[in-house]
Amino acid sequence: MGETVRWLTPEEQRAWRGFVRLHERLGGRLGRLLQSESRVSPADFAVLVHLTDTPQGRRRYQDLARALEWEKSRMSHHIARMAGRGLVVREECAEDARGAFVVITDAGRAAIEAAAPRHVQAVRDLFVDHVTPAELRVLAEVSERVLAKLDEDTV
């Protein structure tokens, strides 16, 4: 109870609040673009990206939920909605009766292939084109270091 709080300095607070606001505004803008132009929600896009990052287009439910930082119930409900739209299917795991896979469908591949070019253009227009290559390298290094620390501290 006697711990002293290490309050943020004005410089730290400026950086943190700027980062949070940037994340919120970019996420909101990109999400609206995806939804309006591609009929893919940001959550759909995130799932489809994770699935297309694997050669088989499939991931275990728990691994996908962990990668997305989603609770089990959110994962289950969202995958059910995506399955209902034909973007993914659920496959039982033969080795583990309690486990299951989320697998991208042809319709899911078509959806992300249609959404990805506009998404990438928006990322360029809204972010990449406004920072220097050196700033991008620093951002990548900082992001990787903080993510590695988060991975160590997984709850």
C-alpha atoms as a PDB file:
ATOM      1  CA  MET A   1       0.000   0.000   0.000  1.00  0.00           C
ATOM      2  CA  GLY A   2       2.945   2.307   0.564  1.00  0.00           C
ATOM      3  CA  GLU A   3       4.146   2.184  -3.059  1.00  0.00           C
ATOM      4  CA  THR A   4       4.956   5.498  -4.637  1.00  0.00           C
ATOM      5  CA  VAL A   5       3.343   6.154  -7.996  1.00  0.00           C
ATOM      6  CA  ARG A   6       5.817   7.126 -10.686  1.00  0.00           C
ATOM      7  CA  TRP A   7       3.642   9.760 -12.378  1.00  0.00           C
ATOM      8  CA  LEU A   8       4.346  10.532 -15.996  1.00  0.00           C
ATOM      9  CA  THR A   9       6.494  13.540 -16.689  1.00  0.00           C
ATOM     10  CA  PRO A  10       5.000  16.149 -19.031  1.00  0.00           C
ATOM     11  CA  GLU A  11       7.121  14.745 -21.873  1.00  0.00           C
ATOM     12  CA  GLU A  12       6.093  11.145 -21.119  1.00  0.00           C
ATOM     13  CA  GLN A  13       2.451  12.182 -20.836  1.00  0.00           C
ATOM     14  CA  ARG A  14       2.611  14.055 -24.153  1.00  0.00           C
ATOM     15  CA  ALA A  15       4.121  11.003 -25.880  1.00  0.00           C
ATOM     16  CA  TRP A  16       1.672   8.557 -24.301  1.00  0.00           C
ATOM     17  CA  ARG A  17      -1.428  10.634 -24.962  1.00  0.00           C
ATOM     18  CA  GLY A  18      -0.292  11.341 -28.511  1.00  0.00           C
ATOM     19  CA  PHE A  19       0.261   7.643 -29.134  1.00  0.00           C
ATOM     20  CA  VAL A  20      -3.158   6.711 -27.714  1.00  0.00           C
ATOM     21  CA  ARG A  21      -4.932   9.425 -29.721  1.00  0.00           C
ATOM     22  CA  LEU A  22      -3.072   8.419 -32.899  1.00  0.00           C
ATOM     23  CA  HIS A  23      -4.037   4.791 -32.366  1.00  0.00           C
ATOM     24  CA  GLU A  24      -7.692   5.679 -31.717  1.00  0.00           C
ATOM     25  CA  ARG A  25      -8.025   8.001 -34.699  1.00  0.00           C
ATOM     26  CA  LEU A  26      -6.160   5.804 -37.165  1.00  0.00           C
ATOM     27  CA  GLY A  27      -8.080   2.722 -36.038  1.00  0.00           C
ATOM     28  CA  GLY A  28     -11.381   4.557 -36.329  1.00  0.00           C
ATOM     29  CA  ARG A  29     -10.633   5.981 -39.758  1.00  0.00           C
ATOM     30  CA  LEU A  30      -9.305   2.698 -41.143  1.00  0.00           C
ATOM     31  CA  GLY A  31     -12.255   0.827 -39.681  1.00  0.00           C
ATOM     32  CA  ARG A  32     -14.790   3.153 -41.287  1.00  0.00           C
ATOM     33  CA  LEU A  33     -13.024   2.860 -44.654  1.00  0.00           C
ATOM     34  CA  LEU A  34     -12.962  -0.942 -44.473  1.00  0.00           C
ATOM     35  CA  GLN A  35     -16.598  -1.147 -43.478  1.00  0.00           C
ATOM     36  CA  SER A  36     -17.902   1.320 -46.042  1.00  0.00           C
ATOM     37  CA  GLU A  37     -15.805   0.250 -49.009  1.00  0.00           C
ATOM     38  CA  SER A  38     -15.283  -3.451 -48.429  1.00  0.00           C
ATOM     39  CA  ARG A  39     -18.115  -4.504 -46.093  1.00  0.00           C
ATOM     40  CA  VAL A  40     -15.467  -6.004 -43.811  1.00  0.00           C
ATOM     41  CA  SER A  41     -15.320  -4.893 -40.188  1.00  0.00           C
ATOM     42  CA  PRO A  42     -11.975  -4.161 -38.543  1.00  0.00           C
ATOM     43  CA  ALA A  43     -12.442  -7.327 -36.451  1.00  0.00           C
ATOM     44  CA  ASP A  44     -13.173  -9.394 -39.583  1.00  0.00           C
ATOM     45  CA  PHE A  45     -10.085  -7.934 -41.241  1.00  0.00           C
ATOM     46  CA  ALA A  46      -7.909  -8.761 -38.214  1.00  0.00           C
ATOM     47  CA  VAL A  47      -9.107 -12.379 -38.186  1.00  0.00           C
ATOM     48  CA  LEU A  48      -8.635 -12.758 -41.940  1.00  0.00           C
ATOM     49  CA  VAL A  49      -5.129 -11.248 -41.791  1.00  0.00           C
ATOM     50  CA  HIS A  50      -4.102 -13.718 -39.091  1.00  0.00           C
ATOM     51  CA  LEU A  51      -5.515 -16.614 -41.082  1.00  0.00           C
ATOM     52  CA  THR A  52      -3.874 -15.580 -44.357  1.00  0.00           C
ATOM     53  CA  ASP A  53      -0.552 -15.218 -42.546  1.00  0.00           C
ATOM     54  CA  THR A  54      -0.470 -19.016 -42.252  1.00  0.00           C
ATOM     55  CA  PRO A  55       0.125 -21.187 -45.326  1.00  0.00           C
ATOM     56  CA  GLN A  56      -2.882 -23.420 -44.564  1.00  0.00           C
ATOM     57  CA  GLY A  57      -5.185 -20.475 -43.766  1.00  0.00           C
ATOM     58  CA  ARG A  58      -6.053 -21.976 -40.393  1.00  0.00           C
ATOM     59  CA  ARG A  59      -5.262 -21.391 -36.741  1.00  0.00           C
ATOM     60  CA  ARG A  60      -6.324 -22.951 -33.493  1.00  0.00           C
ATOM     61  CA  TYR A  61      -9.100 -20.999 -31.773  1.00  0.00           C
ATOM     62  CA  GLN A  62      -7.032 -20.351 -28.663  1.00  0.00           C
ATOM     63  CA  ASP A  63      -3.960 -19.230 -30.632  1.00  0.00           C
ATOM     64  CA  LEU A  64      -6.045 -16.845 -32.730  1.00  0.00           C
ATOM     65  CA  ALA A  65      -7.774 -15.441 -29.641  1.00  0.00           C
ATOM     66  CA  ARG A  66      -4.406 -14.933 -27.963  1.00  0.00           C
ATOM     67  CA  ALA A  67      -2.954 -13.214 -31.041  1.00  0.00           C
ATOM     68  CA  LEU A  68      -5.940 -10.862 -31.222  1.00  0.00           C
ATOM     69  CA  GLU A  69      -6.043 -10.330 -27.423  1.00  0.00           C
ATOM     70  CA  TRP A  70      -9.719 -11.390 -27.408  1.00  0.00           C
ATOM     71  CA  GLU A  71     -11.645 -13.083 -24.639  1.00  0.00           C
ATOM     72  CA  LYS A  72     -13.027 -16.558 -25.347  1.00  0.00           C
ATOM     73  CA  SER A  73     -16.640 -15.352 -25.618  1.00  0.00           C
ATOM     74  CA  ARG A  74     -15.808 -12.524 -28.018  1.00  0.00           C
ATOM     75  CA  MET A  75     -13.839 -14.937 -30.159  1.00  0.00           C
ATOM     76  CA  SER A  76     -16.620 -17.491 -30.220  1.00  0.00           C
ATOM     77  CA  HIS A  77     -19.337 -14.957 -31.085  1.00  0.00           C
ATOM     78  CA  HIS A  78     -17.312 -13.209 -33.747  1.00  0.00           C
ATOM     79  CA  ILE A  79     -16.200 -16.402 -35.458  1.00  0.00           C
ATOM     80  CA  ALA A  80     -19.811 -17.608 -35.436  1.00  0.00           C
ATOM     81  CA  ARG A  81     -20.875 -14.381 -37.197  1.00  0.00           C
ATOM     82  CA  MET A  82     -18.072 -14.702 -39.741  1.00  0.00           C
ATOM     83  CA  ALA A  83     -18.981 -18.358 -40.336  1.00  0.00           C
ATOM     84  CA  GLY A  84     -22.585 -17.314 -40.876  1.00  0.00           C
ATOM     85  CA  ARG A  85     -21.385 -14.988 -43.625  1.00  0.00           C
ATOM     86  CA  GLY A  86     -19.236 -17.745 -45.149  1.00  0.00           C
ATOM     87  CA  LEU A  87     -15.872 -16.088 -44.434  1.00  0.00           C
ATOM     88  CA  VAL A  88     -14.538 -18.854 -42.170  1.00  0.00           C
ATOM     89  CA  VAL A  89     -15.441 -22.335 -41.008  1.00  0.00           C
ATOM     90  CA  ARG A  90     -14.827 -24.098 -37.736  1.00  0.00           C
ATOM     91  CA  GLU A  91     -13.039 -27.453 -37.920  1.00  0.00           C
ATOM     92  CA  GLU A  92     -12.702 -29.863 -35.050  1.00  0.00           C
ATOM     93  CA  CYS A  93      -9.195 -30.893 -34.070  1.00  0.00           C
ATOM     94  CA  ALA A  94      -8.599 -34.623 -34.550  1.00  0.00           C
ATOM     95  CA  GLU A  95      -5.731 -34.712 -32.015  1.00  0.00           C
ATOM     96  CA  ASP A  96      -7.543 -32.768 -29.299  1.00  0.00           C
ATOM     97  CA  ALA A  97     -11.288 -33.276 -28.901  1.00  0.00           C
ATOM     98  CA  ARG A  98     -11.593 -29.987 -26.989  1.00  0.00           C
ATOM     99  CA  GLY A  99      -9.690 -27.991 -29.597  1.00  0.00           C
ATOM    100  CA  ALA A 100     -10.859 -26.505 -32.866  1.00  0.00           C
ATOM    101  CA  PHE A 101      -9.482 -24.590 -35.817  1.00  0.00           C
ATOM    102  CA  VAL A 102     -10.719 -21.464 -37.551  1.00  0.00           C
ATOM    103  CA  VAL A 103     -10.205 -21.880 -41.297  1.00  0.00           C
ATOM    104  CA  ILE A 104     -10.545 -19.217 -43.966  1.00  0.00           C
ATOM    105  CA  THR A 105     -12.911 -20.027 -46.845  1.00  0.00           C
ATOM    106  CA  ASP A 106     -12.706 -19.011 -50.491  1.00  0.00           C
ATOM    107  CA  ALA A 107     -15.203 -16.248 -49.691  1.00  0.00           C
ATOM    108  CA  GLY A 108     -12.973 -15.096 -46.833  1.00  0.00           C
ATOM    109  CA  ARG A 109      -9.954 -15.008 -49.143  1.00  0.00           C
ATOM    110  CA  ALA A 110     -11.960 -13.044 -51.700  1.00  0.00           C
ATOM    111  CA  ALA A 111     -13.066 -10.581 -49.001  1.00  0.00           C
ATOM    112  CA  ILE A 112      -9.551  -9.858 -47.778  1.00  0.00           C
ATOM    113  CA  GLU A 113      -8.153  -9.724 -51.310  1.00  0.00           C
ATOM    114  CA  ALA A 114     -10.770  -7.083 -52.113  1.00  0.00           C
ATOM    115  CA  ALA A 115     -10.210  -5.123 -48.879  1.00  0.00           C
ATOM    116  CA  ALA A 116      -6.405  -5.268 -48.640  1.00  0.00           C
ATOM    117  CA  PRO A 117      -5.447  -2.917 -51.491  1.00  0.00           C
ATOM    118  CA  ARG A 118      -7.697  -0.115 -50.210  1.00  0.00           C
ATOM    119  CA  HIS A 119      -6.540  -0.743 -46.641  1.00  0.00           C
ATOM    120  CA  VAL A 120      -2.878  -0.523 -47.661  1.00  0.00           C
ATOM    121  CA  GLN A 121      -3.527   2.675 -49.628  1.00  0.00           C
ATOM    122  CA  ALA A 122      -5.271   4.190 -46.614  1.00  0.00           C
ATOM    123  CA  VAL A 123      -2.373   3.187 -44.321  1.00  0.00           C
ATOM    124  CA  ARG A 124      -0.020   4.957 -46.740  1.00  0.00           C
ATOM    125  CA  ASP A 125      -2.240   8.034 -47.083  1.00  0.00           C
ATOM    126  CA  LEU A 126      -2.947   8.400 -43.377  1.00  0.00           C
ATOM    127  CA  PHE A 127       0.350   7.299 -41.855  1.00  0.00           C
ATOM    128  CA  VAL A 128       3.335   6.007 -43.819  1.00  0.00           C
ATOM    129  CA  ASP A 129       3.587   8.955 -46.194  1.00  0.00           C
ATOM    130  CA  HIS A 130       3.831  11.372 -43.235  1.00  0.00           C
ATOM    131  CA  VAL A 131       6.878   9.877 -41.524  1.00  0.00           C
ATOM    132  CA  THR A 132      10.445   9.447 -42.652  1.00  0.00           C
ATOM    133  CA  PRO A 133      12.121   6.076 -43.229  1.00  0.00           C
ATOM    134  CA  ALA A 134      14.247   6.709 -40.121  1.00  0.00           C
ATOM    135  CA  GLU A 135      11.116   7.391 -38.047  1.00  0.00           C
ATOM    136  CA  LEU A 136       9.544   4.185 -39.359  1.00  0.00           C
ATOM    137  CA  ARG A 137      12.616   2.208 -38.289  1.00  0.00           C
ATOM    138  CA  VAL A 138      12.484   3.724 -34.789  1.00  0.00           C
ATOM    139  CA  LEU A 139       8.755   3.042 -34.543  1.00  0.00           C
ATOM    140  CA  ALA A 140       9.303  -0.572 -35.615  1.00  0.00           C
ATOM    141  CA  GLU A 141      12.087  -1.012 -33.039  1.00  0.00           C
ATOM    142  CA  VAL A 142      10.047   0.528 -30.223  1.00  0.00           C
ATOM    143  CA  SER A 143       6.979  -1.527 -31.158  1.00  0.00           C
ATOM    144  CA  GLU A 144       8.959  -4.766 -31.286  1.00  0.00           C
ATOM    145  CA  ARG A 145      10.604  -4.089 -27.917  1.00  0.00           C
ATOM    146  CA  VAL A 146       7.308  -3.262 -26.162  1.00  0.00           C
ATOM    147  CA  LEU A 147       5.556  -6.243 -27.797  1.00  0.00           C
ATOM    148  CA  ALA A 148       8.354  -8.556 -26.654  1.00  0.00           C
ATOM    149  CA  LYS A 149       7.881  -7.289 -23.093  1.00  0.00           C
ATOM    150  CA  LEU A 150       4.112  -7.818 -23.345  1.00  0.00           C
ATOM    151  CA  ASP A 151       4.737 -11.365 -24.601  1.00  0.00           C
ATOM    152  CA  GLU A 152       6.945 -12.042 -21.556  1.00  0.00           C
ATOM    153  CA  ASP A 153       4.236 -10.791 -19.210  1.00  0.00           C
ATOM    154  CA  THR A 154       1.355 -12.747 -20.763  1.00  0.00           C
ATOM    155  CA  VAL A 155      -1.397 -13.266 -18.226  1.00  0.00           C
END
